[in-house]
């Protein structure tokens, strides 16, 4: 399963290894297409790839810890 998402991180999560945890905890790979990160906020547009249940669980975990997850239905630009 591949899910296109925009992840928005609040200041307290900007320096946390959230993307790395997706691979370690859920076996979900994040293919980052665009990103902008400052000390106060960060956003990443990426494709989350993995088994469907793992991707769903990873998204739920990110929402639980405070990441705003927006699912994107349009193709990402290169």
Protein backbone atom coordinates (compact mmCIF):
# COMPACT_ATOMS: atom_id res chain seq x y z
CA UNK A 1 0.00 0.00 0.00
CA UNK A 2 1.16 3.50 -0.76
CA UNK A 3 -0.48 6.50 0.94
CA UNK A 4 0.34 10.09 -0.04
CA UNK A 5 0.27 12.39 2.98
CA UNK A 6 1.28 15.80 4.23
CA UNK A 7 2.65 15.59 7.76
CA UNK A 8 2.72 18.77 9.86
CA UNK A 9 4.82 18.67 13.01
CA UNK A 10 4.36 21.02 15.98
CA UNK A 11 7.44 22.58 17.61
CA UNK A 12 7.77 19.86 20.25
CA UNK A 13 8.03 17.14 17.58
CA UNK A 14 10.21 18.90 15.00
CA UNK A 15 13.43 17.48 16.46
CA UNK A 16 12.02 13.98 17.17
CA UNK A 17 12.88 11.07 14.82
CA UNK A 18 9.26 10.43 13.83
CA UNK A 19 10.05 9.42 10.23
CA UNK A 20 12.77 7.04 11.42
CA UNK A 21 10.34 5.46 13.86
CA UNK A 22 7.97 4.64 10.99
CA UNK A 23 10.58 2.29 9.54
CA UNK A 24 11.65 0.79 12.88
CA UNK A 25 8.28 0.41 14.60
CA UNK A 26 5.95 -0.23 11.66
CA UNK A 27 8.13 -1.32 8.70
CA UNK A 28 6.75 1.66 6.78
CA UNK A 29 9.07 3.56 4.47
CA UNK A 30 8.59 7.29 3.90
CA UNK A 31 9.56 8.58 0.46
CA UNK A 32 9.92 12.32 1.14
CA UNK A 33 8.93 14.44 -1.86
CA UNK A 34 8.91 17.92 -0.31
CA UNK A 35 9.66 19.35 3.10
CA UNK A 36 10.14 22.56 5.03
CA UNK A 37 11.35 22.47 8.62
CA UNK A 38 12.12 25.33 11.03
CA UNK A 39 12.60 25.43 14.78
CA UNK A 40 8.88 26.13 15.28
CA UNK A 41 7.11 23.91 12.79
CA UNK A 42 7.80 21.43 10.04
CA UNK A 43 5.90 19.81 7.21
CA UNK A 44 6.71 16.92 4.94
CA UNK A 45 4.90 15.68 1.85
CA UNK A 46 5.67 12.02 1.42
CA UNK A 47 4.49 8.62 0.27
CA UNK A 48 4.17 6.03 3.02
CA UNK A 49 4.83 2.53 1.68
CA UNK A 50 4.24 -0.76 3.48
CA UNK A 51 1.64 -3.39 4.26
CA UNK A 52 -1.81 -1.78 4.46
CA UNK A 53 -2.37 -2.57 8.18
CA UNK A 54 1.10 -1.20 9.03
CA UNK A 55 0.48 2.05 7.13
CA UNK A 56 -2.88 2.52 8.85
CA UNK A 57 -1.30 1.82 12.25
CA UNK A 58 1.61 4.20 11.54
CA UNK A 59 -0.78 7.02 10.58
CA UNK A 60 -2.86 6.44 13.72
CA UNK A 61 0.31 6.53 15.86
CA UNK A 62 1.46 9.80 14.29
CA UNK A 63 -1.94 11.39 14.89
CA UNK A 64 -1.87 10.12 18.49
CA UNK A 65 1.50 11.77 19.21
CA UNK A 66 0.40 15.10 17.69
CA UNK A 67 1.38 15.02 14.02
CA UNK A 68 -1.31 16.49 11.75
CA UNK A 69 -1.80 13.97 8.91
CA UNK A 70 -3.56 15.11 5.74
CA UNK A 71 -4.18 12.47 3.09
CA UNK A 72 -3.54 13.71 -0.44
CA UNK A 73 -5.52 12.38 -3.39
CA UNK A 74 -3.70 14.20 -6.17
CA UNK A 75 -0.40 13.04 -7.69
CA UNK A 76 2.75 14.50 -6.20
CA UNK A 77 5.00 16.57 -8.40
CA UNK A 78 8.62 15.54 -8.75
